[in-house]
Amino acid sequence: MSDVLTDLVPLVAEVSRTRPHEVTGSSRFEQLAEWGSMAALRLLAEVEPRWNVRLDLRRYLATETVAELADVIAQERLRSA
């Protein structure tokens, strides 16, 4: 598991008000208990400063799984370095 994914999983659990053990890299955002547009915005607001990245909103909203988002964050970190 990547460092980004390791840190992202509990953050997604917190934002979506889902039990941490229920969130994995393969978790689909749309299937999380409290997932919706506000949770998506809260997560984005946490992700960008935590990893010092600016994510394209369309690309961010198109991610379907936690692992996919971790990959997007990692790619953006490399691009920004």
N, C-alpha and C. Protein backbone atom coordinates (compact mmCIF):
# COMPACT_ATOMS: atom_id res chain seq x y z
N MET A 1 0.85 -1.18 0.00
CA MET A 1 0.00 0.00 0.00
C MET A 1 0.90 1.24 0.00
N SER A 2 0.60 2.20 -0.87
CA SER A 2 1.41 3.41 -0.95
C SER A 2 1.22 4.27 0.29
N ASP A 3 2.18 5.15 0.55
CA ASP A 3 2.07 6.05 1.69
C ASP A 3 0.84 6.93 1.57
N VAL A 4 0.56 7.40 0.36
CA VAL A 4 -0.62 8.25 0.16
C VAL A 4 -1.88 7.46 0.51
N LEU A 5 -1.98 6.24 0.01
CA LEU A 5 -3.16 5.43 0.27
C LEU A 5 -3.29 5.12 1.75
N THR A 6 -2.18 4.81 2.40
CA THR A 6 -2.20 4.52 3.83
C THR A 6 -2.77 5.69 4.63
N ASP A 7 -2.42 6.90 4.27
CA ASP A 7 -2.91 8.09 4.96
C ASP A 7 -4.30 8.51 4.49
N LEU A 8 -4.62 8.19 3.25
CA LEU A 8 -5.90 8.60 2.68
C LEU A 8 -7.07 7.79 3.21
N VAL A 9 -6.87 6.51 3.44
CA VAL A 9 -7.96 5.64 3.88
C VAL A 9 -8.63 6.16 5.16
N PRO A 10 -7.88 6.44 6.24
CA PRO A 10 -8.56 6.94 7.44
C PRO A 10 -9.19 8.32 7.24
N LEU A 11 -8.61 9.13 6.37
CA LEU A 11 -9.18 10.44 6.08
C LEU A 11 -10.53 10.29 5.38
N VAL A 12 -10.61 9.39 4.42
CA VAL A 12 -11.87 9.13 3.73
C VAL A 12 -12.91 8.60 4.73
N ALA A 13 -12.47 7.71 5.61
CA ALA A 13 -13.39 7.17 6.62
C ALA A 13 -13.94 8.29 7.50
N GLU A 14 -13.08 9.20 7.91
CA GLU A 14 -13.52 10.31 8.76
C GLU A 14 -14.50 11.22 8.03
N VAL A 15 -14.16 11.61 6.83
CA VAL A 15 -15.00 12.53 6.07
C VAL A 15 -16.35 11.91 5.73
N SER A 16 -16.34 10.62 5.43
CA SER A 16 -17.58 9.95 5.03
C SER A 16 -18.34 9.34 6.21
N ARG A 17 -17.78 9.53 7.40
CA ARG A 17 -18.40 8.99 8.61
C ARG A 17 -18.64 7.48 8.48
N THR A 18 -17.60 6.82 7.99
CA THR A 18 -17.62 5.37 7.81
C THR A 18 -16.61 4.76 8.77
N ARG A 19 -16.90 3.59 9.29
CA ARG A 19 -15.94 2.93 10.19
C ARG A 19 -14.64 2.70 9.42
N PRO A 20 -13.50 3.04 10.04
CA PRO A 20 -12.22 2.93 9.34
C PRO A 20 -11.94 1.55 8.74
N HIS A 21 -12.35 0.49 9.41
CA HIS A 21 -12.07 -0.85 8.88
C HIS A 21 -12.93 -1.18 7.66
N GLU A 22 -13.92 -0.35 7.38
CA GLU A 22 -14.78 -0.58 6.22
C GLU A 22 -14.28 0.13 4.96
N VAL A 23 -13.25 0.95 5.09
CA VAL A 23 -12.70 1.68 3.95
C VAL A 23 -11.38 1.05 3.54
N THR A 24 -11.27 0.72 2.27
CA THR A 24 -10.04 0.16 1.71
C THR A 24 -9.73 0.89 0.41
N GLY A 25 -8.65 0.53 -0.20
CA GLY A 25 -8.30 1.12 -1.48
C GLY A 25 -9.35 0.86 -2.55
N SER A 26 -10.01 -0.27 -2.46
CA SER A 26 -11.01 -0.61 -3.47
C SER A 26 -12.40 -0.05 -3.16
N SER A 27 -12.52 0.65 -2.04
CA SER A 27 -13.82 1.25 -1.70
C SER A 27 -14.21 2.28 -2.75
N ARG A 28 -15.45 2.19 -3.19
CA ARG A 28 -15.99 3.15 -4.16
C ARG A 28 -16.67 4.27 -3.38
N PHE A 29 -16.34 5.50 -3.75
CA PHE A 29 -16.89 6.64 -3.03
C PHE A 29 -18.42 6.59 -2.99
N GLU A 30 -19.03 6.27 -4.10
CA GLU A 30 -20.49 6.28 -4.18
C GLU A 30 -21.15 5.28 -3.25
N GLN A 31 -20.39 4.31 -2.75
CA GLN A 31 -20.95 3.29 -1.88
C GLN A 31 -20.69 3.56 -0.40
N LEU A 32 -19.98 4.63 -0.09
CA LEU A 32 -19.72 4.97 1.31
C LEU A 32 -20.99 5.55 1.94
N ALA A 33 -21.18 5.25 3.19
CA ALA A 33 -22.44 5.57 3.89
C ALA A 33 -22.87 7.03 3.77
N GLU A 34 -22.00 7.93 4.05
CA GLU A 34 -22.36 9.35 4.07
C GLU A 34 -21.71 10.13 2.93
N TRP A 35 -21.55 9.49 1.78
CA TRP A 35 -20.88 10.16 0.67
C TRP A 35 -21.86 10.96 -0.16
N GLY A 36 -21.47 12.17 -0.47
CA GLY A 36 -22.27 13.05 -1.31
C GLY A 36 -21.39 14.23 -1.72
N SER A 37 -21.99 15.22 -2.31
CA SER A 37 -21.22 16.36 -2.82
C SER A 37 -20.49 17.11 -1.70
N MET A 38 -21.13 17.25 -0.56
CA MET A 38 -20.47 17.97 0.55
C MET A 38 -19.29 17.17 1.10
N ALA A 39 -19.43 15.87 1.21
CA ALA A 39 -18.31 15.04 1.66
C ALA A 39 -17.17 15.11 0.66
N ALA A 40 -17.50 15.10 -0.63
CA ALA A 40 -16.47 15.20 -1.66
C ALA A 40 -15.70 16.51 -1.53
N LEU A 41 -16.40 17.60 -1.28
CA LEU A 41 -15.73 18.90 -1.12
C LEU A 41 -14.91 18.95 0.17
N ARG A 42 -15.44 18.36 1.24
CA ARG A 42 -14.67 18.32 2.50
C ARG A 42 -13.38 17.53 2.30
N LEU A 43 -13.48 16.40 1.58
CA LEU A 43 -12.28 15.60 1.35
C LEU A 43 -11.27 16.37 0.51
N LEU A 44 -11.72 17.03 -0.53
CA LEU A 44 -10.82 17.83 -1.36
C LEU A 44 -10.14 18.91 -0.53
N ALA A 45 -10.90 19.55 0.35
CA ALA A 45 -10.33 20.60 1.21
C ALA A 45 -9.29 20.05 2.18
N GLU A 46 -9.39 18.79 2.53
CA GLU A 46 -8.38 18.14 3.39
C GLU A 46 -7.17 17.66 2.59
N VAL A 47 -7.42 17.12 1.41
CA VAL A 47 -6.37 16.50 0.59
C VAL A 47 -5.36 17.54 0.09
N GLU A 48 -5.85 18.63 -0.48
CA GLU A 48 -4.93 19.58 -1.13
C GLU A 48 -3.86 20.13 -0.18
N PRO A 49 -4.20 20.65 0.99
CA PRO A 49 -3.13 21.15 1.85
C PRO A 49 -2.29 20.02 2.48
N ARG A 50 -2.91 18.89 2.75
CA ARG A 50 -2.17 17.80 3.39
C ARG A 50 -1.04 17.29 2.50
N TRP A 51 -1.30 17.18 1.20
CA TRP A 51 -0.29 16.68 0.27
C TRP A 51 0.29 17.80 -0.59
N ASN A 52 -0.08 19.03 -0.30
CA ASN A 52 0.46 20.19 -1.01
C ASN A 52 0.29 20.04 -2.52
N VAL A 53 -0.95 19.76 -2.93
CA VAL A 53 -1.28 19.61 -4.34
C VAL A 53 -2.52 20.44 -4.67
N ARG A 54 -2.67 20.70 -5.96
CA ARG A 54 -3.91 21.30 -6.49
C ARG A 54 -4.46 20.30 -7.49
N LEU A 55 -5.61 19.74 -7.18
CA LEU A 55 -6.20 18.74 -8.06
C LEU A 55 -7.20 19.39 -9.00
N ASP A 56 -7.19 18.92 -10.23
CA ASP A 56 -8.19 19.35 -11.20
C ASP A 56 -9.54 18.84 -10.71
N LEU A 57 -10.51 19.73 -10.57
CA LEU A 57 -11.80 19.35 -10.00
C LEU A 57 -12.49 18.27 -10.80
N ARG A 58 -12.46 18.36 -12.11
CA ARG A 58 -13.11 17.33 -12.94
C ARG A 58 -12.44 15.96 -12.75
N ARG A 59 -11.13 15.97 -12.72
CA ARG A 59 -10.42 14.70 -12.52
C ARG A 59 -10.70 14.13 -11.14
N TYR A 60 -10.70 15.01 -10.14
CA TYR A 60 -10.99 14.58 -8.77
C TYR A 60 -12.38 13.96 -8.68
N LEU A 61 -13.37 14.63 -9.22
CA LEU A 61 -14.75 14.14 -9.14
C LEU A 61 -14.96 12.88 -9.98
N ALA A 62 -14.08 12.64 -10.94
CA ALA A 62 -14.21 11.44 -11.78
C ALA A 62 -13.59 10.20 -11.12
N THR A 63 -12.82 10.37 -10.05
CA THR A 63 -12.23 9.20 -9.40
C THR A 63 -13.33 8.38 -8.74
N GLU A 64 -13.22 7.09 -8.88
CA GLU A 64 -14.27 6.20 -8.37
C GLU A 64 -13.89 5.48 -7.09
N THR A 65 -12.59 5.24 -6.90
CA THR A 65 -12.16 4.49 -5.71
C THR A 65 -11.13 5.28 -4.92
N VAL A 66 -10.94 4.86 -3.68
CA VAL A 66 -9.95 5.50 -2.82
C VAL A 66 -8.55 5.31 -3.41
N ALA A 67 -8.24 4.12 -3.91
CA ALA A 67 -6.92 3.87 -4.50
C ALA A 67 -6.69 4.73 -5.74
N GLU A 68 -7.73 4.92 -6.52
CA GLU A 68 -7.60 5.77 -7.71
C GLU A 68 -7.28 7.21 -7.30
N LEU A 69 -7.93 7.69 -6.25
CA LEU A 69 -7.63 9.03 -5.77
C LEU A 69 -6.19 9.11 -5.23
N ALA A 70 -5.76 8.08 -4.54
CA ALA A 70 -4.37 8.05 -4.04
C ALA A 70 -3.39 8.13 -5.21
N ASP A 71 -3.68 7.45 -6.30
CA ASP A 71 -2.82 7.52 -7.49
C ASP A 71 -2.81 8.92 -8.08
N VAL A 72 -3.97 9.56 -8.15
CA VAL A 72 -4.06 10.93 -8.68
C VAL A 72 -3.23 11.87 -7.82
N ILE A 73 -3.33 11.73 -6.51
CA ILE A 73 -2.55 12.57 -5.59
C ILE A 73 -1.05 12.33 -5.80
N ALA A 74 -0.65 11.08 -5.87
CA ALA A 74 0.77 10.74 -6.05
C ALA A 74 1.29 11.29 -7.37
N GLN A 75 0.52 11.17 -8.43
CA GLN A 75 0.92 11.70 -9.73
C GLN A 75 1.07 13.21 -9.68
N GLU A 76 0.15 13.88 -9.03
CA GLU A 76 0.22 15.34 -8.93
C GLU A 76 1.41 15.77 -8.09
N ARG A 77 1.73 15.03 -7.06
CA ARG A 77 2.91 15.35 -6.24
C ARG A 77 4.18 15.25 -7.07
N LEU A 78 4.26 14.22 -7.91
CA LEU A 78 5.44 14.05 -8.77
C LEU A 78 5.53 15.17 -9.79
N ARG A 79 4.38 15.52 -10.34
CA ARG A 79 4.33 16.57 -11.36
C ARG A 79 4.73 17.92 -10.78
N SER A 80 4.37 18.15 -9.53
CA SER A 80 4.63 19.44 -8.89
C SER A 80 6.04 19.54 -8.32
N ALA A 81 6.72 18.41 -8.22
CA ALA A 81 8.07 18.41 -7.61
C ALA A 81 9.11 19.03 -8.49
